[in-house]
Protein backbone atom coordinates (compact mmCIF):
# COMPACT_ATOMS: atom_id res chain seq x y z
CA UNK A 1 76.79 58.08 66.74
CA UNK A 2 77.40 61.19 64.62
CA UNK A 3 74.31 60.70 62.42
CA UNK A 4 71.79 60.68 65.32
CA UNK A 5 73.59 63.66 66.85
CA UNK A 6 73.39 65.54 63.56
CA UNK A 7 69.65 64.81 63.26
CA UNK A 8 69.06 65.94 66.82
CA UNK A 9 71.05 69.11 66.15
CA UNK A 10 69.00 69.99 63.07
CA UNK A 11 65.71 69.26 64.83
CA UNK A 12 66.42 71.17 68.03
CA UNK A 13 68.37 74.08 66.52
CA UNK A 14 66.89 74.92 63.10
CA UNK A 15 68.75 77.35 60.89
CA UNK A 16 67.46 80.87 60.39
CA UNK A 17 66.42 81.89 56.86
CA UNK A 18 69.32 82.86 54.58
CA UNK A 19 68.22 86.47 54.29
CA UNK A 20 68.27 86.95 58.08
CA UNK A 21 71.74 85.41 58.34
CA UNK A 22 72.96 87.60 55.47
CA UNK A 23 71.63 90.71 57.22
CA UNK A 24 73.59 89.78 60.34
CA UNK A 25 76.68 89.19 58.23
CA UNK A 26 76.41 92.59 56.58
CA UNK A 27 76.01 94.29 59.96
CA UNK A 28 79.05 92.52 61.39
CA UNK A 29 81.06 93.26 58.26
CA UNK A 30 80.33 96.94 58.71
CA UNK A 31 81.35 96.75 62.37
CA UNK A 32 84.61 95.05 61.40
CA UNK A 33 85.67 97.88 59.07
CA UNK A 34 88.60 100.02 60.16
CA UNK A 35 87.10 103.49 60.09
CA UNK A 36 87.68 106.82 61.78
CA UNK A 37 85.17 106.12 64.55
CA UNK A 38 86.96 102.94 65.60
CA UNK A 39 90.38 104.62 65.67
CA UNK A 40 89.18 107.68 67.62
CA UNK A 41 87.32 105.60 70.21
CA UNK A 42 90.28 103.25 70.61
CA UNK A 43 92.76 106.09 71.15
CA UNK A 44 90.58 108.04 73.59
CA UNK A 45 89.43 105.02 75.59
CA UNK A 46 93.02 103.76 75.86
CA UNK A 47 94.27 107.16 77.02
CA UNK A 48 91.55 107.43 79.66
CA UNK A 49 92.02 103.85 80.85
CA UNK A 50 95.79 104.31 81.13
CA UNK A 51 95.41 107.42 83.25
CA UNK A 52 92.85 105.64 85.40
CA UNK A 53 95.20 102.72 85.96
CA UNK A 54 98.10 105.02 86.87
CA UNK A 55 95.83 106.97 89.23
CA UNK A 56 94.44 103.69 90.62
CA UNK A 57 90.96 105.08 90.01
CA UNK A 58 88.23 102.57 89.26
CA UNK A 59 85.81 105.36 88.28
CA UNK A 60 88.09 106.65 85.51
CA UNK A 61 88.69 103.11 84.22
CA UNK A 62 84.94 102.50 84.04
CA UNK A 63 84.61 105.70 82.02
CA UNK A 64 87.08 104.31 79.49
CA UNK A 65 85.17 101.03 79.35
CA UNK A 66 82.03 102.79 78.23
CA UNK A 67 83.58 104.03 74.99
CA UNK A 68 86.07 101.26 74.11
CA UNK A 69 85.16 99.74 70.70
CA UNK A 70 87.10 96.47 70.93
CA UNK A 71 83.87 94.48 71.10
CA UNK A 72 83.01 95.29 67.48
CA UNK A 73 85.38 92.98 65.58
CA UNK A 74 84.94 90.04 67.94
CA UNK A 75 81.39 89.20 66.91
CA UNK A 76 82.36 89.39 63.25
CA UNK A 77 85.28 87.06 63.98
CA UNK A 78 82.91 84.60 65.68
CA UNK A 79 80.43 84.48 62.78
CA UNK A 80 83.22 84.39 60.19
CA UNK A 81 84.83 81.38 61.87
CA UNK A 82 81.45 79.69 62.23
CA UNK A 83 80.60 80.08 58.53
CA UNK A 84 84.22 79.93 57.25
CA UNK A 85 83.78 83.41 55.80
CA UNK A 86 87.36 84.39 54.99
CA UNK A 87 86.54 87.99 54.13
CA UNK A 88 84.76 88.57 57.44
CA UNK A 89 87.49 86.78 59.41
CA UNK A 90 90.26 88.75 57.68
CA UNK A 91 88.55 92.09 58.22
CA UNK A 92 87.77 91.34 61.87
CA UNK A 93 91.29 90.14 62.66
CA UNK A 94 92.87 93.15 60.95
CA UNK A 95 90.69 95.53 62.92
CA UNK A 96 91.39 93.71 66.16
CA UNK A 97 95.14 93.65 65.60
CA UNK A 98 95.22 97.38 64.82
CA UNK A 99 93.21 98.14 67.98
CA UNK A 100 95.45 95.91 70.09
CA UNK A 101 98.73 97.40 68.86
CA UNK A 102 97.38 100.94 69.12
CA UNK A 103 96.28 100.42 72.73
CA UNK A 104 99.64 98.92 73.75
CA UNK A 105 101.58 101.70 72.02
CA UNK A 106 99.57 104.57 73.53
CA UNK A 107 99.55 103.12 77.03
CA UNK A 108 103.30 102.50 76.77
CA UNK A 109 103.97 106.10 75.76
CA UNK A 110 101.77 107.47 78.56
CA UNK A 111 103.32 105.09 81.08
CA UNK A 112 106.80 106.07 80.02
CA UNK A 113 105.94 109.77 80.24
CA UNK A 114 104.72 109.53 83.83
CA UNK A 115 107.43 107.05 84.77
CA UNK A 116 105.66 105.33 87.64
CA UNK A 117 108.00 102.48 88.72
CA UNK A 118 106.51 99.00 88.74
CA UNK A 119 107.13 98.73 92.49
CA UNK A 120 104.60 101.54 92.95
CA UNK A 121 101.86 100.10 90.73
CA UNK A 122 98.44 100.29 92.35
CA UNK A 123 95.91 97.55 92.92
CA UNK A 124 94.04 98.29 89.66
CA UNK A 125 97.16 97.40 87.66
CA UNK A 126 98.29 94.45 89.74
CA UNK A 127 94.82 92.91 89.71
CA UNK A 128 95.15 92.45 85.93
CA UNK A 129 98.51 90.69 85.95
CA UNK A 130 97.45 87.33 87.43
CA UNK A 131 94.53 85.89 85.45
CA UNK A 132 92.61 82.92 86.84
CA UNK A 133 89.72 80.67 85.83
CA UNK A 134 87.38 83.27 87.27
CA UNK A 135 88.53 85.73 84.58
CA UNK A 136 87.75 83.17 81.90
CA UNK A 137 84.27 82.80 83.36
CA UNK A 138 83.75 86.56 83.20
CA UNK A 139 84.90 86.60 79.57
CA UNK A 140 82.54 83.79 78.59
CA UNK A 141 79.61 85.53 80.24
CA UNK A 142 80.50 88.85 78.60
CA UNK A 143 80.75 87.23 75.18
CA UNK A 144 77.40 85.55 75.64
CA UNK A 145 75.82 88.93 76.43
CA UNK A 146 77.44 90.46 73.34
CA UNK A 147 76.28 87.73 70.97
CA UNK A 148 72.79 87.59 72.44
CA UNK A 149 72.43 91.37 72.17
CA UNK A 150 73.28 91.18 68.48
CA UNK A 151 70.63 88.59 67.59
CA UNK A 152 68.02 90.06 69.96
CA UNK A 153 67.18 93.61 68.91
CA UNK A 154 65.51 94.43 72.20
CA UNK A 155 68.87 94.50 73.97
CA UNK A 156 71.18 97.46 73.64
CA UNK A 157 74.67 97.05 72.23
CA UNK A 158 75.87 99.54 74.83
CA UNK A 159 75.21 96.97 77.57
CA UNK A 160 77.23 94.34 75.75
CA UNK A 161 79.94 96.84 74.90
CA UNK A 162 80.47 97.70 78.54
CA UNK A 163 80.82 94.03 79.46
CA UNK A 164 83.32 93.37 76.66
CA UNK A 165 85.36 96.48 77.37
CA UNK A 166 85.75 95.44 80.99
CA UNK A 167 87.60 92.36 79.77
CA UNK A 168 89.73 93.79 76.95
CA UNK A 169 90.88 97.42 77.17
CA UNK A 170 92.30 97.57 80.74
CA UNK A 171 94.56 94.50 80.34
CA UNK A 172 95.98 95.93 77.11
CA UNK A 173 96.76 99.20 78.86
CA UNK A 174 98.46 97.30 81.68
CA UNK A 175 100.63 95.57 79.06
CA UNK A 176 101.79 98.93 77.70
CA UNK A 177 102.38 100.43 81.15
CA UNK A 178 104.37 97.41 82.31
CA UNK A 179 106.48 97.35 79.13
CA UNK A 180 107.28 101.04 79.57
CA UNK A 181 108.86 100.17 82.94
CA UNK A 182 110.47 96.95 81.65
CA UNK A 183 108.32 94.84 83.96
CA UNK A 184 108.10 91.86 81.62
CA UNK A 185 106.50 89.44 84.13
CA UNK A 186 103.64 91.87 84.75
CA UNK A 187 103.25 92.55 81.04
CA UNK A 188 103.11 88.84 80.21
CA UNK A 189 100.50 88.25 82.91
CA UNK A 190 98.32 91.08 81.60
CA UNK A 191 98.65 89.85 78.01
CA UNK A 192 97.65 86.36 79.12
CA UNK A 193 94.53 87.89 80.65
CA UNK A 194 93.82 89.68 77.35
CA UNK A 195 94.18 86.47 75.34
CA UNK A 196 92.02 84.59 77.84
CA UNK A 197 89.28 87.17 77.56
CA UNK A 198 89.53 87.36 73.78
CA UNK A 199 89.22 83.60 73.31
CA UNK A 200 86.51 83.26 75.93
CA UNK A 201 84.43 86.06 74.43
CA UNK A 202 84.75 84.73 70.88
CA UNK A 203 83.98 81.16 71.94
CA UNK A 204 80.79 82.18 73.75
CA UNK A 205 79.74 84.33 70.76
CA UNK A 206 80.13 81.29 68.51
CA UNK A 207 77.96 79.22 70.85
CA UNK A 208 75.27 81.89 70.97
CA UNK A 209 75.21 82.17 67.17
CA UNK A 210 74.88 78.40 66.91
CA UNK A 211 72.02 78.29 69.39
CA UNK A 212 70.39 81.16 67.50
CA UNK A 213 70.51 79.18 64.23
CA UNK A 214 73.13 81.33 62.47
CA UNK A 215 75.15 78.46 61.00
CA UNK A 216 75.51 76.94 57.52
CA UNK A 217 75.93 73.23 58.13
CA UNK A 218 76.79 70.79 60.88
CA UNK A 219 80.33 69.96 59.73
CA UNK A 220 81.49 73.59 59.60
CA UNK A 221 79.85 74.26 62.96
CA UNK A 222 81.59 71.33 64.64
CA UNK A 223 84.97 72.29 63.18
CA UNK A 224 84.73 75.93 64.26
CA UNK A 225 83.47 75.08 67.72
CA UNK A 226 85.97 72.27 68.25
CA UNK A 227 88.90 74.41 67.13
CA UNK A 228 88.07 77.28 69.42
CA UNK A 229 87.38 74.97 72.35
CA UNK A 230 90.83 73.45 71.83
CA UNK A 231 92.49 76.90 71.67
CA UNK A 232 90.73 78.05 74.82
CA UNK A 233 91.52 74.74 76.53
CA UNK A 234 95.24 75.38 76.09
CA UNK A 235 94.91 78.39 78.40
CA UNK A 236 92.91 76.50 81.02
CA UNK A 237 96.00 74.78 82.44
CA UNK A 238 97.95 77.95 83.39
CA UNK A 239 94.72 79.59 84.54
CA UNK A 240 93.94 76.59 86.73
CA UNK A 241 97.41 76.77 88.27
CA UNK A 242 97.01 80.51 88.89
CA UNK A 243 93.58 79.98 90.45
CA UNK A 244 94.96 77.26 92.72
CA UNK A 245 97.82 79.53 93.79
CA UNK A 246 95.34 82.30 94.58
CA UNK A 247 93.26 80.01 96.80
CA UNK A 248 96.38 78.70 98.52
CA UNK A 249 97.60 82.23 99.17
CA UNK A 250 94.26 83.20 100.71
CA UNK A 251 94.42 80.21 103.05
CA UNK A 252 98.01 81.03 103.97
CA UNK A 253 97.13 84.62 104.82
CA UNK A 254 94.32 83.45 107.09
CA UNK A 255 96.63 80.99 108.86
CA UNK A 256 99.32 83.64 109.29
CA UNK A 257 96.90 86.12 110.83
CA UNK A 258 95.46 83.54 113.23
CA UNK A 259 98.93 82.33 114.21
CA UNK A 260 100.29 85.81 114.89
CA UNK A 261 97.33 86.80 117.04
CA UNK A 262 97.05 83.59 119.05
CA UNK A 263 100.55 82.14 119.21
CA UNK A 264 102.91 85.13 119.49
CA UNK A 265 103.43 87.62 122.29
CA UNK A 266 104.71 90.29 119.89
CA UNK A 267 101.39 90.62 118.06
CA UNK A 268 98.96 88.97 120.44
CA UNK A 269 99.88 90.82 123.64
CA UNK A 270 102.60 93.38 123.09
CA UNK A 271 100.74 95.12 120.26
CA UNK A 272 97.37 95.18 118.51
CA UNK A 273 97.13 93.87 114.94
CA UNK A 274 95.59 96.50 112.65
CA UNK A 275 96.23 95.03 109.20
CA UNK A 276 98.10 92.28 107.37
CA UNK A 277 99.11 92.09 103.72
CA UNK A 278 101.28 89.51 101.98
CA UNK A 279 103.32 90.46 98.92
CA UNK A 280 103.73 87.22 96.97
CA UNK A 281 106.34 86.68 94.23
CA UNK A 282 105.12 87.22 90.69
CA UNK A 283 105.67 83.57 89.76
CA UNK A 284 105.07 80.58 92.05
CA UNK A 285 108.46 79.07 91.14
CA UNK A 286 110.34 82.23 92.07
CA UNK A 287 113.07 81.88 94.70
CA UNK A 288 112.05 85.16 96.32
CA UNK A 289 110.47 84.96 99.76
CA UNK A 290 106.96 86.33 100.31
CA UNK A 291 106.93 89.54 102.36
CA UNK A 292 104.38 89.96 105.15
CA UNK A 293 103.56 93.58 105.96
CA UNK A 294 102.10 93.72 109.48
CA UNK A 295 100.55 96.96 110.71
CA UNK A 296 100.26 97.15 114.52
CA UNK A 297 99.52 99.61 117.28
CA UNK A 298 102.53 99.43 119.57
CA UNK A 299 102.72 99.48 123.34
CA UNK A 300 104.86 102.52 124.01
CA UNK A 301 106.22 101.06 127.22
CA UNK A 302 107.43 97.91 125.47
CA UNK A 303 108.39 98.63 121.82
CA UNK A 304 108.96 95.89 119.25
CA UNK A 305 112.64 95.12 118.56
CA UNK A 306 114.39 93.58 115.52
CA UNK A 307 115.26 90.55 117.64
CA UNK A 308 111.57 89.89 118.25
CA UNK A 309 110.83 90.19 114.52
CA UNK A 310 113.50 87.59 113.79
CA UNK A 311 112.03 85.22 116.39
CA UNK A 312 108.56 85.64 114.91
CA UNK A 313 109.94 84.85 111.43
CA UNK A 314 111.37 81.58 112.76
CA UNK A 315 108.08 80.69 114.44
CA UNK A 316 106.13 81.39 111.23
CA UNK A 317 108.51 79.20 109.21
CA UNK A 318 108.22 76.38 111.76
CA UNK A 319 104.43 76.60 111.93
CA UNK A 320 103.64 76.99 108.20
CA UNK A 321 106.63 75.22 106.67
CA UNK A 322 107.51 78.20 104.47
CA UNK A 323 109.90 81.07 104.97
CA UNK A 324 108.52 84.59 105.00
CA UNK A 325 110.09 88.01 105.40
CA UNK A 326 108.29 90.04 108.07
CA UNK A 327 108.02 93.83 107.98
CA UNK A 328 106.33 95.47 110.96
CA UNK A 329 104.72 98.84 110.39
CA UNK A 330 104.37 100.29 113.85
CA UNK A 331 102.22 103.25 114.88
CA UNK A 332 101.37 104.76 118.24
CA UNK A 333 98.12 106.14 119.55
CA UNK A 334 98.05 109.34 121.58
CA UNK A 335 95.46 110.72 123.91
CA UNK A 336 95.10 114.50 123.61
CA UNK A 337 92.93 116.91 125.64
CA UNK A 338 93.45 120.59 126.49
CA UNK A 339 96.96 121.15 127.85
CA UNK A 340 97.47 117.42 128.20
CA UNK A 341 98.89 114.63 126.06
CA UNK A 342 100.12 111.13 126.72
CA UNK A 343 100.68 107.96 124.64
CA UNK A 344 98.22 105.15 125.17
CA UNK A 345 99.43 101.66 125.97
CA UNK A 346 97.98 98.72 124.11
CA UNK A 347 95.38 97.59 126.71
CA UNK A 348 93.77 101.04 126.49
CA UNK A 349 93.36 101.09 122.70
CA UNK A 350 89.90 99.61 122.57
CA UNK A 351 88.62 100.66 126.00
CA UNK A 352 87.02 103.92 127.09
CA UNK A 353 89.30 106.93 127.07
CA UNK A 354 89.07 108.69 130.41
CA UNK A 355 90.39 112.25 130.46
CA UNK A 356 92.65 113.29 133.35
CA UNK A 357 91.05 115.06 136.31
CA UNK A 358 90.72 118.79 135.77
CA UNK A 359 91.13 120.98 138.85
CA UNK A 360 88.82 124.00 139.25
CA UNK A 361 90.32 127.35 138.42
CA UNK A 362 91.42 129.52 141.38
CA UNK A 363 88.88 132.07 142.58
CA UNK A 364 90.95 135.10 141.64
CA UNK A 365 90.88 133.93 137.96
CA UNK A 366 87.09 133.89 138.00
CA UNK A 367 86.62 137.40 139.46
CA UNK A 368 87.36 139.41 136.29
CA UNK A 369 84.47 137.70 134.54
CA UNK A 370 81.89 138.95 137.05
CA UNK A 371 81.00 142.50 138.13
CA UNK A 372 79.28 143.59 141.32
CA UNK A 373 76.09 144.10 139.32
CA UNK A 374 76.08 140.43 138.27
CA UNK A 375 75.93 139.11 141.84
CA UNK A 376 72.79 137.22 142.70
CA UNK A 377 70.98 138.46 145.78
CA UNK A 378 68.99 136.35 148.13
CA UNK A 379 65.74 138.12 147.19
CA UNK A 380 66.19 136.94 143.59
């Protein structure tokens, strides 16, 4: 079985000439060196990304992605593992470890300086604390772009660098920010995302180098590929669980919204549902109850009471078989015209707003605006 497979492999994927493979090795060895450029780009990109995460600004985070250099040692690591080149593997790992520790340290210092509590973390931070299989797919695609750009000179490394940076620098910064606030569950989730992306990127780079013919022999290739597939496979189980939880949460949120609008008087008739957000526990096995934040426009003539909220909680538990904590965020809508204001009741929220009748001004209030010369005569 192995002999026919080896023959097919050699026939379909011939090796590149030794001089071409050596040129690629020298280039990757140079990229894997710890030099001033790598340190400066790591520090600045980490600082920018950390500020962007704290500001919850996607634009600032993207700016940091454009200059992050963490892609450089990964391709050297992939080729070194493929060819069992210890010098290249050692240099790439050393560079990667220095970049990782530097990013976590700087983001932790910045996060501690600003002191944003973990309860106030924005969506850009929280989105990187629960990795799923989708994140692994992004990492594999990004690594494939990186490896292909290296063996195809027509493609720019900047394109690959952006893709890789998307997967690596922001999660590291989230780790540092979370550690600065002692939010260990969030930090562990972000670090899992970083490891997932790192392994996925390196694995896809190895595959691209194999398909490009940059390998020494079949046995080394199978060992390197099999080892990295096994390491990445270890992470598939928790990622699969996380992905399943994410899908289940999305279905639950849809059921909750439909139930509240169609089966309860409090939301369906007494008020208008504006928005719904569920705050799930960090871990699925947590004993904490999910919190449902419900934003409604309230009927001013019939306000929502705590007793009604308690009854709705019981109905939700009975309908969905899971206990939730409900928090209603109530707002009122007012109708304002000149010298007139009144609150709108719920049935009027989405209908036409009719202003109150305006009586004409008395005649004596109009007289000062007209003089005897402004009167219109019949002849005109």
